[in-house]
Protein backbone atom coordinates (compact mmCIF):
# COMPACT_ATOMS: atom_id res chain seq x y z
CA MET A 1 0.00 0.00 0.00
CA SER A 2 3.00 2.30 0.26
CA ASN A 3 3.25 2.91 -3.52
CA HIS A 4 -0.36 3.98 -4.10
CA SER A 5 -1.39 6.08 -7.12
CA PRO A 6 -3.29 9.35 -6.64
CA ALA A 7 -7.01 8.76 -6.14
CA SER A 8 -9.71 11.11 -7.43
CA THR A 9 -12.36 10.16 -4.82
CA TRP A 10 -12.33 8.85 -1.27
CA GLN A 11 -14.02 5.72 -2.59
CA ASP A 12 -11.07 5.05 -4.91
CA LEU A 13 -8.63 5.45 -2.04
CA LEU A 14 -10.75 3.23 0.20
CA ALA A 15 -10.83 0.56 -2.52
CA GLU A 16 -7.04 0.69 -2.67
CA LEU A 17 -6.75 0.29 1.08
CA ILE A 18 -9.20 -2.59 1.49
CA ALA A 19 -7.62 -4.51 -1.36
CA ASP A 20 -5.35 -5.65 1.47
CA THR A 21 -7.36 -8.27 3.38
CA ALA A 22 -5.75 -7.49 6.73
CA GLU A 23 -6.48 -3.76 6.37
CA ARG A 24 -10.07 -4.49 5.33
CA GLU A 25 -10.58 -6.63 8.42
CA ARG A 26 -8.98 -4.00 10.65
CA LEU A 27 -11.14 -1.17 9.36
CA ALA A 28 -14.29 -3.28 9.61
CA SER A 29 -13.47 -4.18 13.20
CA VAL A 30 -12.67 -0.61 14.24
CA LEU A 31 -15.87 0.72 12.64
CA SER A 32 -18.01 -2.22 13.88
CA VAL A 33 -19.25 -2.97 10.37
CA GLN A 34 -19.04 -5.98 8.09
CA PRO A 35 -16.19 -6.07 5.53
CA ILE A 36 -18.80 -6.19 2.75
CA THR A 37 -20.03 -2.77 3.92
CA LEU A 38 -16.60 -1.27 3.20
CA ILE A 39 -16.67 -2.86 -0.25
CA ARG A 40 -20.09 -1.35 -0.94
CA TRP A 41 -18.86 2.07 0.13
CA ALA A 42 -15.85 1.76 -2.15
CA GLU A 43 -18.02 0.62 -5.05
CA LYS A 44 -20.48 3.49 -4.40
CA THR A 45 -23.42 1.09 -4.04
CA SER A 46 -24.10 2.51 -0.58
CA ARG A 47 -23.17 5.69 1.25
CA PRO A 48 -21.94 5.88 4.86
CA ARG A 49 -23.71 8.16 7.29
CA GLU A 50 -21.74 11.20 8.40
CA GLN A 51 -20.84 9.63 11.76
CA ASN A 52 -19.58 6.52 10.01
CA MET A 53 -17.53 8.67 7.66
CA GLN A 54 -16.02 10.56 10.58
CA ASN A 55 -15.06 7.26 12.23
CA LEU A 56 -13.65 5.99 8.93
CA VAL A 57 -11.45 9.07 8.51
CA GLN A 58 -10.05 8.64 12.01
CA ALA A 59 -9.26 4.97 11.31
CA ILE A 60 -7.36 5.59 8.08
CA PRO A 61 -3.62 4.70 8.24
CA PRO A 62 -1.36 7.73 8.84
CA ALA A 63 0.25 7.60 5.39
CA PHE A 64 -3.16 8.04 3.73
CA PHE A 65 -4.90 10.31 6.23
CA GLN A 66 -4.39 13.73 4.62
CA ASP A 67 -5.37 12.55 1.13
CA PHE A 68 -8.41 10.69 2.42
CA LEU A 69 -9.61 13.64 4.52
CA ARG A 70 -9.21 16.04 1.59
CA LEU A 71 -11.29 13.80 -0.67
CA ALA A 72 -13.90 13.06 2.01
CA LEU A 73 -14.50 16.78 2.60
CA ILE A 74 -15.59 17.16 -1.03
CA GLU A 75 -18.60 14.92 -0.42
CA TYR A 76 -18.93 15.61 3.33
CA PRO A 77 -18.14 19.34 3.70
CA HIS A 78 -19.74 19.48 7.14
CA LEU A 79 -17.57 16.83 8.73
CA PRO A 80 -16.47 17.90 12.24
CA GLN A 81 -12.85 18.85 12.61
CA VAL A 82 -10.97 15.56 12.49
CA GLU A 83 -7.45 15.34 13.90
CA GLY A 84 -4.79 13.25 12.27
CA PRO A 85 -3.64 9.92 13.69
CA SER A 86 -1.84 10.36 16.98
CA GLN A 87 1.59 9.08 17.86
CA PRO A 88 2.32 7.19 21.07
CA ILE A 89 2.62 9.43 24.12
CA THR A 90 6.22 10.15 25.03
CA GLY A 91 5.68 12.08 28.28
CA GLY A 92 6.20 10.79 31.79
CA LEU A 93 3.84 8.59 33.74
CA PRO A 94 1.37 10.20 36.18
CA SER A 95 2.28 10.22 39.86
CA THR A 96 -0.98 8.44 40.69
CA PHE A 97 0.28 5.38 38.85
CA TYR A 98 3.39 5.17 41.03
CA ALA A 99 1.24 5.65 44.13
CA GLN A 100 -1.02 2.75 43.11
CA ILE A 101 1.99 0.52 42.45
CA LEU A 102 3.62 1.31 45.79
CA HIS A 103 0.36 0.83 47.67
CA ALA A 104 -0.31 -2.56 46.06
CA TYR A 105 3.26 -3.70 46.64
CA SER A 106 3.33 -2.71 50.31
CA GLN A 107 -0.23 -3.42 51.43
CA LEU A 108 -1.33 -6.57 49.60
CA PRO A 109 -0.22 -10.13 50.44
CA PRO A 110 2.24 -11.66 47.95
CA LEU A 111 -0.38 -13.91 46.33
CA LEU A 112 -2.53 -10.89 45.45
CA SER A 113 0.10 -8.22 44.86
CA ARG A 114 1.74 -9.96 41.89
CA GLN A 115 -1.47 -10.11 39.82
CA THR A 116 -2.54 -6.65 40.95
CA LEU A 117 0.79 -5.11 39.98
CA GLN A 118 0.66 -6.82 36.61
CA ASP A 119 -2.88 -5.55 35.95
CA LEU A 120 -1.94 -1.99 36.94
CA VAL A 121 1.07 -2.01 34.61
CA PHE A 122 -1.00 -3.40 31.72
CA GLN A 123 -3.74 -0.79 32.18
CA GLN A 124 -1.26 2.08 32.31
CA ALA A 125 0.74 0.76 29.36
CA ILE A 126 -2.29 0.45 27.08
CA ALA A 127 -3.52 3.94 28.04
CA HIS A 128 -0.03 5.36 27.51
CA LEU A 129 0.75 3.71 24.18
CA ASP A 130 -2.72 3.68 22.61
CA PRO A 131 -4.49 6.78 23.98
CA GLU A 132 -7.03 6.94 21.14
CA ARG A 133 -7.72 3.20 21.21
CA ARG A 134 -6.74 2.67 17.60
CA GLY A 135 -5.98 -0.97 18.28
CA MET A 136 -3.12 -2.51 20.27
CA SER A 137 -2.21 -5.62 22.21
CA ILE A 138 0.36 -5.73 25.01
CA SER A 139 1.63 -8.87 26.68
CA ILE A 140 4.36 -10.01 29.01
CA VAL A 141 6.75 -12.77 27.95
CA THR A 142 8.88 -14.51 30.59
CA CYS A 143 11.81 -16.88 30.42
CA VAL A 144 10.86 -20.49 31.11
CA ARG A 145 12.86 -21.79 34.06
CA PRO A 146 15.49 -24.22 32.70
CA LEU A 147 16.66 -27.48 34.24
CA GLU A 148 19.42 -27.20 36.81
CA GLY A 149 22.66 -26.27 35.08
CA GLN A 150 20.99 -25.63 31.72
CA VAL A 151 20.34 -22.37 29.85
CA VAL A 152 17.00 -20.78 29.01
CA ARG A 153 15.69 -22.27 25.78
CA SER A 154 12.15 -20.93 25.52
CA LEU A 155 9.83 -18.09 26.50
CA ARG A 156 6.17 -18.05 27.50
CA GLU A 157 3.44 -15.42 27.30
CA ILE A 158 1.77 -15.07 30.68
CA GLY A 159 -0.99 -12.54 30.03
CA GLY A 160 -1.90 -9.32 28.33
CA ILE A 161 -4.38 -6.58 27.54
CA GLY A 162 -5.76 -5.13 24.34
CA THR A 163 -7.97 -2.53 22.67
CA PRO A 164 -10.32 -3.43 19.78
CA PRO A 165 -10.02 -5.43 17.57
CA TRP A 166 -8.30 -7.40 20.36
CA LYS A 167 -10.15 -8.38 23.51
CA ARG A 168 -9.40 -6.29 26.58
CA ASP A 169 -8.24 -9.30 28.60
CA LEU A 170 -6.11 -11.44 26.33
CA GLU A 171 -6.56 -15.12 27.00
CA GLN A 172 -3.75 -16.72 28.92
CA LYS A 173 -2.76 -19.50 26.57
CA THR A 174 0.35 -21.62 26.88
CA ILE A 175 2.23 -19.96 24.02
CA LEU A 176 5.89 -20.88 23.87
CA LEU A 177 8.30 -18.67 21.92
CA GLY A 178 11.85 -19.36 20.82
CA ALA A 179 14.86 -17.61 19.35
CA GLU A 180 13.08 -17.28 16.00
CA SER A 181 10.42 -15.01 17.51
CA LEU A 182 10.53 -11.22 17.87
CA ALA A 183 10.71 -11.56 21.65
CA GLY A 184 13.49 -14.14 21.43
CA TYR A 185 15.48 -11.95 19.06
CA ALA A 186 15.17 -8.95 21.39
CA LEU A 187 16.36 -10.95 24.39
CA ILE A 188 19.28 -12.57 22.57
CA HIS A 189 20.53 -9.17 21.39
CA LEU A 190 19.55 -7.40 24.66
CA ARG A 191 17.88 -4.47 22.92
CA ARG A 192 14.42 -3.35 22.01
CA THR A 193 13.46 -4.55 18.55
CA ILE A 194 10.88 -3.04 16.21
CA ALA A 195 9.12 -4.73 13.31
CA SER A 196 7.71 -1.57 11.76
CA ASN A 197 5.51 -2.90 8.96
CA ARG A 198 4.29 -6.38 8.05
CA THR A 199 4.37 -5.47 4.33
CA VAL A 200 8.11 -4.76 4.43
CA GLN A 201 10.57 -7.64 4.34
CA THR A 202 13.04 -7.73 7.22
CA ARG A 203 15.69 -10.02 8.64
CA ILE A 204 14.14 -9.70 12.07
CA PRO A 205 12.22 -12.90 12.88
CA VAL A 206 8.57 -12.03 13.36
CA HIS A 207 5.48 -14.17 12.90
CA TRP A 208 2.51 -11.89 12.24
CA THR A 209 -0.88 -12.78 13.66
CA ALA A 210 -4.32 -11.36 12.86
CA TYR A 211 -4.62 -7.54 13.06
CA GLU A 212 -0.88 -6.93 13.62
CA GLN A 213 0.68 -4.33 11.33
CA SER A 214 3.66 -3.30 13.50
CA ALA A 215 5.23 -4.71 16.66
CA ILE A 216 7.90 -4.08 19.28
CA ALA A 217 9.68 -6.23 21.88
CA ILE A 218 11.47 -4.63 24.85
CA PRO A 219 13.67 -6.72 27.20
CA ILE A 220 12.89 -6.60 30.93
CA SER A 221 15.67 -7.07 33.47
CA LEU A 222 15.58 -7.95 37.15
CA HIS A 223 18.67 -7.49 39.34
CA SER A 224 20.81 -6.99 36.21
CA ARG A 225 19.53 -10.21 34.66
CA VAL A 226 17.14 -10.50 31.74
CA CYS A 227 13.91 -12.18 32.82
CA GLY A 228 11.55 -11.57 29.89
CA CYS A 229 10.20 -8.83 27.68
CA LEU A 230 7.26 -6.57 26.96
CA LEU A 231 5.64 -7.43 23.62
CA ALA A 232 3.29 -4.98 21.89
CA ALA A 233 1.55 -4.93 18.51
CA SER A 234 -0.53 -2.27 16.76
CA VAL A 235 -3.03 -2.31 13.91
CA VAL A 236 -1.28 0.82 12.59
CA PRO A 237 1.80 0.32 10.37
CA ASP A 238 4.98 2.11 11.50
CA TYR A 239 3.39 2.95 14.86
CA PHE A 240 6.43 2.25 17.03
CA GLN A 241 9.33 4.66 16.61
CA GLU A 242 12.81 4.54 18.11
CA GLU A 243 12.23 7.65 20.22
């Protein structure tokens, strides 16, 4: 979709976008419509209501946003002011978050504090990285304890959180990851690793799942030792930047 030709109508640009099955499914999920509805809009056999058009404009990938908005305003001149796609927040975390963490750590028994701390971190992370709920999943991956005297050979996802099209509480499945995964690569090289766009070939090992258009893995250390990583994926291509 990166080498798109100029479109004369928003329907033409929409048709170009939804020619990609993954993008069609993403847009349909975000707008809570059936994929066939998007096809009908693109083919001009039906016309979205103004609210649906506003939601569609906000869901358009960043690279196409300005062109799509310009074309949409020709047919929908009374659209409310629509802001462009936002970037992840880069500011500091609120002091209330630290207060909640410290309170849970000091006041709750160990059996409860671990899950509570994990839930608080997940909730803050998803609000921080996906403030407009464009679509993101965040999970924690931990090293599987090896046999005595052996090295770590696999990783396991232990839980996560998401915004639509993902469920809020990601199911805790026994998913094992190895060196050929994005998380494994990040831990082996001890640095955060970004897979910026599923349509671009890369040497970084990444296995894309439904909805994912970009992803990032960030190693987590405990007492100067790597113990796992934070794994996040977005429905927006090129969402995660180095800064």
